[in-house]
């Protein structure tokens, strides 16, 4: 099952979480999530997507400022759904070109 997440890296290559930043939802990071979603769709994926939140509000020893885990479940689910729907609406819908006609 594909997971809708954000690849969030800083200019140094460290994750934003490691750099003390958190609070990112799908589409907030550096990954081109609409392009990835479009590629999955064009490849024939028609299954479910999973939103997985990596954060810490101190539960595991790192009380990151702005932690998404500090939000209510209802707010976080709503924000995550909205972020995913924005990325899905912006997905690349360009049809695939057949690279090698007749090749199977």
PDB file of N, CA and C in Angstrom:
ATOM      1  N   UNK A   1       0.848  -1.165   0.000  1.00  0.00           N
ATOM      2  CA  UNK A   1       0.000   0.000   0.000  1.00  0.00           C
ATOM      3  C   UNK A   1       0.898   1.234   0.000  1.00  0.00           C
ATOM      4  N   UNK A   2       0.742   2.143  -0.963  1.00  0.00           N
ATOM      5  CA  UNK A   2       1.527   3.373  -0.945  1.00  0.00           C
ATOM      6  C   UNK A   2       1.194   4.205   0.282  1.00  0.00           C
ATOM      7  N   UNK A   3       2.178   4.874   0.785  1.00  0.00           N
ATOM      8  CA  UNK A   3       2.011   5.760   1.930  1.00  0.00           C
ATOM      9  C   UNK A   3       2.180   7.183   1.463  1.00  0.00           C
ATOM     10  N   UNK A   4       1.203   8.036   1.730  1.00  0.00           N
ATOM     11  CA  UNK A   4       1.286   9.443   1.347  1.00  0.00           C
ATOM     12  C   UNK A   4       2.015  10.190   2.446  1.00  0.00           C
ATOM     13  N   UNK A   5       3.253  10.473   2.212  1.00  0.00           N
ATOM     14  CA  UNK A   5       4.034  11.213   3.193  1.00  0.00           C
ATOM     15  C   UNK A   5       4.856  12.248   2.474  1.00  0.00           C
ATOM     16  N   UNK A   6       5.570  13.042   3.216  1.00  0.00           N
ATOM     17  CA  UNK A   6       6.431  14.054   2.624  1.00  0.00           C
ATOM     18  C   UNK A   6       7.872  13.702   2.890  1.00  0.00           C
ATOM     19  N   UNK A   7       8.697  13.800   1.873  1.00  0.00           N
ATOM     20  CA  UNK A   7      10.133  13.655   2.068  1.00  0.00           C
ATOM     21  C   UNK A   7      10.618  15.028   2.459  1.00  0.00           C
ATOM     22  N   UNK A   8      10.977  15.190   3.697  1.00  0.00           N
ATOM     23  CA  UNK A   8      11.320  16.501   4.216  1.00  0.00           C
ATOM     24  C   UNK A   8      12.793  16.538   4.587  1.00  0.00           C
ATOM     25  N   UNK A   9      13.597  17.138   3.746  1.00  0.00           N
ATOM     26  CA  UNK A   9      15.012  17.235   4.056  1.00  0.00           C
ATOM     27  C   UNK A   9      15.440  18.688   4.095  1.00  0.00           C
ATOM     28  N   UNK A  10      16.427  18.952   4.887  1.00  0.00           N
ATOM     29  CA  UNK A  10      16.989  20.294   4.976  1.00  0.00           C
ATOM     30  C   UNK A  10      18.119  20.411   3.963  1.00  0.00           C
ATOM     31  N   UNK A  11      18.658  21.625   3.720  1.00  0.00           N
ATOM     32  CA  UNK A  11      19.766  21.775   2.783  1.00  0.00           C
ATOM     33  C   UNK A  11      20.985  20.931   3.145  1.00  0.00           C
ATOM     34  N   UNK A  12      21.130  20.565   4.418  1.00  0.00           N
ATOM     35  CA  UNK A  12      22.271  19.757   4.826  1.00  0.00           C
ATOM     36  C   UNK A  12      22.021  18.277   4.614  1.00  0.00           C
ATOM     37  N   UNK A  13      20.808  17.919   4.238  1.00  0.00           N
ATOM     38  CA  UNK A  13      20.466  16.520   4.018  1.00  0.00           C
ATOM     39  C   UNK A  13      19.873  15.864   5.257  1.00  0.00           C
ATOM     40  N   UNK A  14      19.882  16.547   6.397  1.00  0.00           N
ATOM     41  CA  UNK A  14      19.290  15.997   7.617  1.00  0.00           C
ATOM     42  C   UNK A  14      17.779  16.129   7.525  1.00  0.00           C
ATOM     43  N   UNK A  15      17.077  15.216   8.136  1.00  0.00           N
ATOM     44  CA  UNK A  15      15.624  15.332   8.103  1.00  0.00           C
ATOM     45  C   UNK A  15      15.208  16.576   8.862  1.00  0.00           C
ATOM     46  N   UNK A  16      14.070  17.127   8.502  1.00  0.00           N
ATOM     47  CA  UNK A  16      13.591  18.318   9.202  1.00  0.00           C
ATOM     48  C   UNK A  16      13.299  17.996  10.655  1.00  0.00           C
ATOM     49  N   UNK A  17      12.911  16.754  10.920  1.00  0.00           N
ATOM     50  CA  UNK A  17      12.672  16.366  12.309  1.00  0.00           C
ATOM     51  C   UNK A  17      13.979  16.467  13.081  1.00  0.00           C
ATOM     52  N   UNK A  18      15.060  15.961  12.499  1.00  0.00           N
ATOM     53  CA  UNK A  18      16.351  16.010  13.183  1.00  0.00           C
ATOM     54  C   UNK A  18      16.820  17.445  13.346  1.00  0.00           C
ATOM     55  N   UNK A  19      16.410  18.315  12.421  1.00  0.00           N
ATOM     56  CA  UNK A  19      16.796  19.720  12.503  1.00  0.00           C
ATOM     57  C   UNK A  19      15.877  20.485  13.458  1.00  0.00           C
ATOM     58  N   UNK A  20      14.957  19.782  14.132  1.00  0.00           N
ATOM     59  CA  UNK A  20      14.081  20.418  15.101  1.00  0.00           C
ATOM     60  C   UNK A  20      12.806  20.980  14.494  1.00  0.00           C
ATOM     61  N   UNK A  21      12.500  20.614  13.254  1.00  0.00           N
ATOM     62  CA  UNK A  21      11.281  21.088  12.616  1.00  0.00           C
ATOM     63  C   UNK A  21      10.363  19.896  12.381  1.00  0.00           C
ATOM     64  N   UNK A  22       9.092  20.110  12.579  1.00  0.00           N
ATOM     65  CA  UNK A  22       8.110  19.064  12.370  1.00  0.00           C
ATOM     66  C   UNK A  22       6.798  19.706  11.973  1.00  0.00           C
ATOM     67  N   UNK A  23       5.798  18.917  11.684  1.00  0.00           N
ATOM     68  CA  UNK A  23       4.500  19.457  11.341  1.00  0.00           C
ATOM     69  C   UNK A  23       4.228  19.432   9.855  1.00  0.00           C
ATOM     70  N   UNK A  24       4.782  18.472   9.142  1.00  0.00           N
ATOM     71  CA  UNK A  24       4.624  18.393   7.702  1.00  0.00           C
ATOM     72  C   UNK A  24       3.599  17.336   7.325  1.00  0.00           C
ATOM     73  N   UNK A  25       2.771  17.681   6.366  1.00  0.00           N
ATOM     74  CA  UNK A  25       1.767  16.767   5.840  1.00  0.00           C
ATOM     75  C   UNK A  25       2.053  16.522   4.363  1.00  0.00           C
ATOM     76  N   UNK A  26       1.351  15.584   3.724  1.00  0.00           N
ATOM     77  CA  UNK A  26       1.619  15.304   2.322  1.00  0.00           C
ATOM     78  C   UNK A  26       1.622  16.578   1.471  1.00  0.00           C
ATOM     79  N   UNK A  27       2.666  16.700   0.660  1.00  0.00           N
ATOM     80  CA  UNK A  27       2.809  17.856  -0.202  1.00  0.00           C
ATOM     81  C   UNK A  27       3.616  18.982   0.394  1.00  0.00           C
ATOM     82  N   UNK A  28       3.918  18.924   1.705  1.00  0.00           N
ATOM     83  CA  UNK A  28       4.683  19.981   2.366  1.00  0.00           C
ATOM     84  C   UNK A  28       6.185  19.805   2.208  1.00  0.00           C
ATOM     85  N   UNK A  29       6.633  18.623   1.854  1.00  0.00           N
ATOM     86  CA  UNK A  29       8.065  18.352   1.775  1.00  0.00           C
ATOM     87  C   UNK A  29       8.628  18.645   0.400  1.00  0.00           C
ATOM     88  N   UNK A  30       9.791  18.066   0.117  1.00  0.00           N
ATOM     89  CA  UNK A  30      10.477  18.323  -1.146  1.00  0.00           C
ATOM     90  C   UNK A  30      10.103  17.316  -2.239  1.00  0.00           C
ATOM     91  N   UNK A  31       9.463  16.219  -1.884  1.00  0.00           N
ATOM     92  CA  UNK A  31       9.049  15.235  -2.889  1.00  0.00           C
ATOM     93  C   UNK A  31       7.913  15.820  -3.723  1.00  0.00           C
ATOM     94  N   UNK A  32       7.919  15.540  -5.004  1.00  0.00           N
ATOM     95  CA  UNK A  32       6.845  15.982  -5.892  1.00  0.00           C
ATOM     96  C   UNK A  32       5.705  14.975  -5.779  1.00  0.00           C
ATOM     97  N   UNK A  33       4.925  15.109  -4.711  1.00  0.00           N
ATOM     98  CA  UNK A  33       3.869  14.140  -4.430  1.00  0.00           C
ATOM     99  C   UNK A  33       2.832  14.065  -5.553  1.00  0.00           C
ATOM    100  N   UNK A  34       2.398  15.179  -6.152  1.00  0.00           N
ATOM    101  CA  UNK A  34       1.462  15.038  -7.269  1.00  0.00           C
ATOM    102  C   UNK A  34       2.038  14.207  -8.427  1.00  0.00           C
ATOM    103  N   UNK A  35       3.324  14.351  -8.714  1.00  0.00           N
ATOM    104  CA  UNK A  35       3.946  13.544  -9.774  1.00  0.00           C
ATOM    105  C   UNK A  35       3.987  12.076  -9.373  1.00  0.00           C
ATOM    106  N   UNK A  36       4.300  11.795  -8.108  1.00  0.00           N
ATOM    107  CA  UNK A  36       4.332  10.411  -7.639  1.00  0.00           C
ATOM    108  C   UNK A  36       2.945   9.778  -7.686  1.00  0.00           C
ATOM    109  N   UNK A  37       1.934  10.521  -7.262  1.00  0.00           N
ATOM    110  CA  UNK A  37       0.565  10.000  -7.302  1.00  0.00           C
ATOM    111  C   UNK A  37       0.125   9.743  -8.742  1.00  0.00           C
ATOM    112  N   UNK A  38       0.482  10.656  -9.645  1.00  0.00           N
ATOM    113  CA  UNK A  38       0.149  10.464 -11.051  1.00  0.00           C
ATOM    114  C   UNK A  38       0.828   9.239 -11.627  1.00  0.00           C
ATOM    115  N   UNK A  39       2.095   9.022 -11.265  1.00  0.00           N
ATOM    116  CA  UNK A  39       2.825   7.848 -11.762  1.00  0.00           C
ATOM    117  C   UNK A  39       2.186   6.561 -11.260  1.00  0.00           C
ATOM    118  N   UNK A  40       1.779   6.536  -9.999  1.00  0.00           N
ATOM    119  CA  UNK A  40       1.108   5.348  -9.460  1.00  0.00           C
ATOM    120  C   UNK A  40      -0.212   5.088 -10.188  1.00  0.00           C
ATOM    121  N   UNK A  41      -0.960   6.143 -10.413  1.00  0.00           N
ATOM    122  CA  UNK A  41      -2.240   5.988 -11.105  1.00  0.00           C
ATOM    123  C   UNK A  41      -2.030   5.483 -12.533  1.00  0.00           C
ATOM    124  N   UNK A  42      -1.057   6.068 -13.250  1.00  0.00           N
ATOM    125  CA  UNK A  42      -0.805   5.656 -14.629  1.00  0.00           C
ATOM    126  C   UNK A  42      -0.268   4.227 -14.698  1.00  0.00           C
ATOM    127  N   UNK A  43       0.382   3.793 -13.643  1.00  0.00           N
ATOM    128  CA  UNK A  43       0.900   2.425 -13.603  1.00  0.00           C
ATOM    129  C   UNK A  43      -0.191   1.415 -13.259  1.00  0.00           C
ATOM    130  N   UNK A  44      -1.383   1.912 -12.947  1.00  0.00           N
ATOM    131  CA  UNK A  44      -2.504   1.015 -12.697  1.00  0.00           C
ATOM    132  C   UNK A  44      -2.891   0.847 -11.237  1.00  0.00           C
ATOM    133  N   UNK A  45      -2.231   1.555 -10.324  1.00  0.00           N
ATOM    134  CA  UNK A  45      -2.599   1.419  -8.909  1.00  0.00           C
ATOM    135  C   UNK A  45      -3.992   1.975  -8.696  1.00  0.00           C
ATOM    136  N   UNK A  46      -4.885   1.170  -8.141  1.00  0.00           N
ATOM    137  CA  UNK A  46      -6.233   1.637  -7.827  1.00  0.00           C
ATOM    138  C   UNK A  46      -6.631   1.207  -6.418  1.00  0.00           C
ATOM    139  N   UNK A  47      -5.634   1.001  -5.579  1.00  0.00           N
ATOM    140  CA  UNK A  47      -5.883   0.583  -4.204  1.00  0.00           C
ATOM    141  C   UNK A  47      -5.931   1.765  -3.251  1.00  0.00           C
ATOM    142  N   UNK A  48      -5.770   1.450  -1.996  1.00  0.00           N
ATOM    143  CA  UNK A  48      -5.832   2.449  -0.941  1.00  0.00           C
ATOM    144  C   UNK A  48      -4.503   3.179  -0.789  1.00  0.00           C
ATOM    145  N   UNK A  49      -4.558   4.353  -0.189  1.00  0.00           N
ATOM    146  CA  UNK A  49      -3.375   5.106   0.229  1.00  0.00           C
ATOM    147  C   UNK A  49      -3.431   5.219   1.743  1.00  0.00           C
ATOM    148  N   UNK A  50      -2.272   5.300   2.342  1.00  0.00           N
ATOM    149  CA  UNK A  50      -2.156   5.339   3.796  1.00  0.00           C
ATOM    150  C   UNK A  50      -1.443   6.619   4.187  1.00  0.00           C
ATOM    151  N   UNK A  51      -1.984   7.348   5.136  1.00  0.00           N
ATOM    152  CA  UNK A  51      -1.330   8.543   5.662  1.00  0.00           C
ATOM    153  C   UNK A  51      -0.666   8.154   6.973  1.00  0.00           C
ATOM    154  N   UNK A  52       0.650   8.263   7.013  1.00  0.00           N
ATOM    155  CA  UNK A  52       1.411   7.890   8.196  1.00  0.00           C
ATOM    156  C   UNK A  52       2.113   9.136   8.717  1.00  0.00           C
ATOM    157  N   UNK A  53       1.892   9.467   9.971  1.00  0.00           N
ATOM    158  CA  UNK A  53       2.439  10.681  10.565  1.00  0.00           C
ATOM    159  C   UNK A  53       3.658  10.320  11.417  1.00  0.00           C
ATOM    160  N   UNK A  54       4.808  10.847  11.035  1.00  0.00           N
ATOM    161  CA  UNK A  54       6.030  10.691  11.826  1.00  0.00           C
ATOM    162  C   UNK A  54       6.250  11.995  12.559  1.00  0.00           C
ATOM    163  N   UNK A  55       6.174  11.945  13.860  1.00  0.00           N
ATOM    164  CA  UNK A  55       6.321  13.137  14.675  1.00  0.00           C
ATOM    165  C   UNK A  55       6.629  12.673  16.092  1.00  0.00           C
ATOM    166  N   UNK A  56       6.734  13.573  17.013  1.00  0.00           N
ATOM    167  CA  UNK A  56       6.881  13.202  18.425  1.00  0.00           C
ATOM    168  C   UNK A  56       6.510  14.402  19.279  1.00  0.00           C
ATOM    169  N   UNK A  57       5.628  14.185  20.201  1.00  0.00           N
ATOM    170  CA  UNK A  57       5.216  15.227  21.139  1.00  0.00           C
ATOM    171  C   UNK A  57       5.839  14.993  22.516  1.00  0.00           C
ATOM    172  N   UNK A  58       6.878  14.187  22.556  1.00  0.00           N
ATOM    173  CA  UNK A  58       7.530  13.849  23.809  1.00  0.00           C
ATOM    174  C   UNK A  58       7.290  12.414  24.223  1.00  0.00           C
ATOM    175  N   UNK A  59       6.346  11.748  23.578  1.00  0.00           N
ATOM    176  CA  UNK A  59       6.022  10.359  23.894  1.00  0.00           C
ATOM    177  C   UNK A  59       7.251   9.464  23.780  1.00  0.00           C
ATOM    178  N   UNK A  60       8.089   9.729  22.781  1.00  0.00           N
ATOM    179  CA  UNK A  60       9.279   8.912  22.558  1.00  0.00           C
ATOM    180  C   UNK A  60      10.563   9.681  22.851  1.00  0.00           C
ATOM    181  N   UNK A  61      10.462  10.740  23.636  1.00  0.00           N
ATOM    182  CA  UNK A  61      11.652  11.448  24.103  1.00  0.00           C
ATOM    183  C   UNK A  61      11.998  12.731  23.382  1.00  0.00           C
ATOM    184  N   UNK A  62      11.308  13.083  22.313  1.00  0.00           N
ATOM    185  CA  UNK A  62      11.603  14.313  21.582  1.00  0.00           C
ATOM    186  C   UNK A  62      10.337  15.147  21.454  1.00  0.00           C
ATOM    187  N   UNK A  63      10.185  16.137  22.300  1.00  0.00           N
ATOM    188  CA  UNK A  63       9.012  17.008  22.239  1.00  0.00           C
ATOM    189  C   UNK A  63       9.289  18.095  21.203  1.00  0.00           C
ATOM    190  N   UNK A  64       9.071  17.755  19.921  1.00  0.00           N
ATOM    191  CA  UNK A  64       9.357  18.691  18.842  1.00  0.00           C
ATOM    192  C   UNK A  64       8.329  19.814  18.803  1.00  0.00           C
ATOM    193  N   UNK A  65       8.805  21.052  18.643  1.00  0.00           N
ATOM    194  CA  UNK A  65       7.861  22.175  18.524  1.00  0.00           C
ATOM    195  C   UNK A  65       6.964  21.970  17.302  1.00  0.00           C
ATOM    196  N   UNK A  66       5.692  22.221  17.446  1.00  0.00           N
ATOM    197  CA  UNK A  66       4.767  22.083  16.336  1.00  0.00           C
ATOM    198  C   UNK A  66       4.426  20.644  15.997  1.00  0.00           C
ATOM    199  N   UNK A  67       4.736  19.709  16.887  1.00  0.00           N
ATOM    200  CA  UNK A  67       4.478  18.293  16.617  1.00  0.00           C
ATOM    201  C   UNK A  67       3.027  18.071  16.219  1.00  0.00           C
ATOM    202  N   UNK A  68       2.836  17.329  15.155  1.00  0.00           N
ATOM    203  CA  UNK A  68       1.479  16.997  14.725  1.00  0.00           C
ATOM    204  C   UNK A  68       0.786  16.100  15.737  1.00  0.00           C
ATOM    205  N   UNK A  69       1.548  15.354  16.513  1.00  0.00           N
ATOM    206  CA  UNK A  69       0.950  14.478  17.515  1.00  0.00           C
ATOM    207  C   UNK A  69       0.309  15.263  18.654  1.00  0.00           C
ATOM    208  N   UNK A  70       0.605  16.540  18.758  1.00  0.00           N
ATOM    209  CA  UNK A  70      -0.010  17.366  19.793  1.00  0.00           C
ATOM    210  C   UNK A  70      -1.401  17.852  19.410  1.00  0.00           C
ATOM    211  N   UNK A  71      -1.829  17.562  18.225  1.00  0.00           N
ATOM    212  CA  UNK A  71      -3.146  17.987  17.737  1.00  0.00           C
ATOM    213  C   UNK A  71      -4.183  16.903  18.042  1.00  0.00           C
ATOM    214  N   UNK A  72      -5.439  17.295  18.031  1.00  0.00           N
ATOM    215  CA  UNK A  72      -6.499  16.298  18.257  1.00  0.00           C
ATOM    216  C   UNK A  72      -6.567  15.369  17.050  1.00  0.00           C
ATOM    217  N   UNK A  73      -7.066  14.170  17.283  1.00  0.00           N
ATOM    218  CA  UNK A  73      -7.188  13.199  16.203  1.00  0.00           C
ATOM    219  C   UNK A  73      -8.070  13.734  15.075  1.00  0.00           C
ATOM    220  N   UNK A  74      -9.162  14.425  15.459  1.00  0.00           N
ATOM    221  CA  UNK A  74     -10.082  14.956  14.455  1.00  0.00           C
ATOM    222  C   UNK A  74      -9.402  16.012  13.591  1.00  0.00           C
ATOM    223  N   UNK A  75      -8.655  16.930  14.215  1.00  0.00           N
ATOM    224  CA  UNK A  75      -7.971  17.975  13.464  1.00  0.00           C
ATOM    225  C   UNK A  75      -6.896  17.375  12.563  1.00  0.00           C
ATOM    226  N   UNK A  76      -6.109  16.466  13.109  1.00  0.00           N
ATOM    227  CA  UNK A  76      -5.025  15.863  12.335  1.00  0.00           C
ATOM    228  C   UNK A  76      -5.567  15.048  11.160  1.00  0.00           C
ATOM    229  N   UNK A  77      -6.617  14.280  11.383  1.00  0.00           N
ATOM    230  CA  UNK A  77      -7.216  13.512  10.293  1.00  0.00           C
ATOM    231  C   UNK A  77      -7.758  14.445   9.215  1.00  0.00           C
ATOM    232  N   UNK A  78      -8.411  15.512   9.618  1.00  0.00           N
ATOM    233  CA  UNK A  78      -8.954  16.473   8.658  1.00  0.00           C
ATOM    234  C   UNK A  78      -7.867  17.172   7.868  1.00  0.00           C
ATOM    235  N   UNK A  79      -6.820  17.619   8.559  1.00  0.00           N
ATOM    236  CA  UNK A  79      -5.716  18.293   7.867  1.00  0.00           C
ATOM    237  C   UNK A  79      -4.987  17.332   6.936  1.00  0.00           C
ATOM    238  N   UNK A  80      -4.787  16.096   7.381  1.00  0.00           N
ATOM    239  CA  UNK A  80      -4.122  15.107   6.541  1.00  0.00           C
ATOM    240  C   UNK A  80      -4.938  14.782   5.306  1.00  0.00           C
ATOM    241  N   UNK A  81      -6.254  14.629   5.475  1.00  0.00           N
ATOM    242  CA  UNK A  81      -7.140  14.352   4.343  1.00  0.00           C
ATOM    243  C   UNK A  81      -7.121  15.515   3.363  1.00  0.00           C
ATOM    244  N   UNK A  82      -7.205  16.741   3.870  1.00  0.00           N
ATOM    245  CA  UNK A  82      -7.177  17.918   2.999  1.00  0.00           C
ATOM    246  C   UNK A  82      -5.860  18.010   2.230  1.00  0.00           C
ATOM    247  N   UNK A  83      -4.741  17.741   2.903  1.00  0.00           N
ATOM    248  CA  UNK A  83      -3.425  17.804   2.252  1.00  0.00           C
ATOM    249  C   UNK A  83      -3.319  16.746   1.159  1.00  0.00           C
ATOM    250  N   UNK A  84      -3.795  15.532   1.451  1.00  0.00           N
ATOM    251  CA  UNK A  84      -3.753  14.481   0.447  1.00  0.00           C
ATOM    252  C   UNK A  84      -4.649  14.830  -0.736  1.00  0.00           C
ATOM    253  N   UNK A  85      -5.841  15.343  -0.478  1.00  0.00           N
ATOM    254  CA  UNK A  85      -6.757  15.682  -1.566  1.00  0.00           C
ATOM    255  C   UNK A  85      -6.187  16.790  -2.452  1.00  0.00           C
ATOM    256  N   UNK A  86      -5.467  17.764  -1.873  1.00  0.00           N
ATOM    257  CA  UNK A  86      -4.810  18.797  -2.684  1.00  0.00           C
ATOM    258  C   UNK A  86      -3.762  18.167  -3.596  1.00  0.00           C
ATOM    259  N   UNK A  87      -2.947  17.267  -3.053  1.00  0.00           N
ATOM    260  CA  UNK A  87      -1.912  16.601  -3.855  1.00  0.00           C
ATOM    261  C   UNK A  87      -2.564  15.717  -4.924  1.00  0.00           C
ATOM    262  N   UNK A  88      -3.639  15.020  -4.573  1.00  0.00           N
ATOM    263  CA  UNK A  88      -4.325  14.153  -5.534  1.00  0.00           C
ATOM    264  C   UNK A  88      -4.922  14.983  -6.674  1.00  0.00           C
ATOM    265  N   UNK A  89      -5.536  16.112  -6.348  1.00  0.00           N
ATOM    266  CA  UNK A  89      -6.127  16.973  -7.376  1.00  0.00           C
ATOM    267  C   UNK A  89      -5.070  17.539  -8.319  1.00  0.00           C
ATOM    268  N   UNK A  90      -3.852  17.745  -7.801  1.00  0.00           N
ATOM    269  CA  UNK A  90      -2.767  18.317  -8.602  1.00  0.00           C
ATOM    270  C   UNK A  90      -1.921  17.253  -9.297  1.00  0.00           C
ATOM    271  N   UNK A  91      -2.314  15.970  -9.161  1.00  0.00           N
ATOM    272  CA  UNK A  91      -1.476  14.896  -9.705  1.00  0.00           C
ATOM    273  C   UNK A  91      -1.291  15.039 -11.208  1.00  0.00           C
ATOM    274  N   UNK A  92      -0.199  14.506 -11.684  1.00  0.00           N
ATOM    275  CA  UNK A  92       0.125  14.520 -13.106  1.00  0.00           C
ATOM    276  C   UNK A  92      -0.778  13.526 -13.819  1.00  0.00           C
ATOM    277  N   UNK A  93      -1.554  14.017 -14.760  1.00  0.00           N
ATOM    278  CA  UNK A  93      -2.491  13.152 -15.491  1.00  0.00           C
ATOM    279  C   UNK A  93      -2.059  12.947 -16.936  1.00  0.00           C
ATOM    280  N   UNK A  94      -0.817  13.290 -17.255  1.00  0.00           N
ATOM    281  CA  UNK A  94      -0.318  13.109 -18.604  1.00  0.00           C
ATOM    282  C   UNK A  94      -0.264  11.623 -18.926  1.00  0.00           C
ATOM    283  N   UNK A  95      -0.845  11.211 -20.049  1.00  0.00           N
ATOM    284  CA  UNK A  95      -0.803   9.782 -20.394  1.00  0.00           C
ATOM    285  C   UNK A  95       0.629   9.314 -20.615  1.00  0.00           C
ATOM    286  N   UNK A  96       0.853   8.070 -20.311  1.00  0.00           N
ATOM    287  CA  UNK A  96       2.173   7.481 -20.547  1.00  0.00           C
ATOM    288  C   UNK A  96       2.392   7.292 -22.029  1.00  0.00           C
ATOM    289  N   UNK A  97       3.597   7.592 -22.487  1.00  0.00           N
ATOM    290  CA  UNK A  97       3.985   7.280 -23.859  1.00  0.00           C
ATOM    291  C   UNK A  97       4.447   5.840 -23.881  1.00  0.00           C
ATOM    292  N   UNK A  98       4.079   5.131 -24.909  1.00  0.00           N
ATOM    293  CA  UNK A  98       4.557   3.766 -25.042  1.00  0.00           C
ATOM    294  C   UNK A  98       6.005   3.834 -25.526  1.00  0.00           C
ATOM    295  N   UNK A  99       6.930   3.356 -24.733  1.00  0.00           N
ATOM    296  CA  UNK A  99       8.356   3.472 -25.027  1.00  0.00           C
ATOM    297  C   UNK A  99       8.749   2.607 -26.202  1.00  0.00           C
ATOM    298  N   UNK A 100       8.325   1.378 -26.211  1.00  0.00           N
ATOM    299  CA  UNK A 100       8.696   0.436 -27.275  1.00  0.00           C
ATOM    300  C   UNK A 100       7.427  -0.193 -27.854  1.00  0.00           C
ATOM    301  N   UNK A 101       6.837   0.452 -28.861  1.00  0.00           N
ATOM    302  CA  UNK A 101       5.618  -0.118 -29.431  1.00  0.00           C
ATOM    303  C   UNK A 101       5.822  -1.566 -29.858  1.00  0.00           C
ATOM    304  N   UNK A 102       4.909  -2.411 -29.476  1.00  0.00           N
ATOM    305  CA  UNK A 102       4.971  -3.824 -29.838  1.00  0.00           C
ATOM    306  C   UNK A 102       5.794  -4.671 -28.884  1.00  0.00           C
ATOM    307  N   UNK A 103       6.545  -4.043 -28.006  1.00  0.00           N
ATOM    308  CA  UNK A 103       7.360  -4.816 -27.050  1.00  0.00           C
ATOM    309  C   UNK A 103       6.478  -5.309 -25.923  1.00  0.00           C
ATOM    310  N   UNK A 104       6.664  -6.548 -25.568  1.00  0.00           N
ATOM    311  CA  UNK A 104       5.898  -7.115 -24.449  1.00  0.00           C
ATOM    312  C   UNK A 104       6.839  -7.840 -23.534  1.00  0.00           C
TER     313      UNK A 104
END
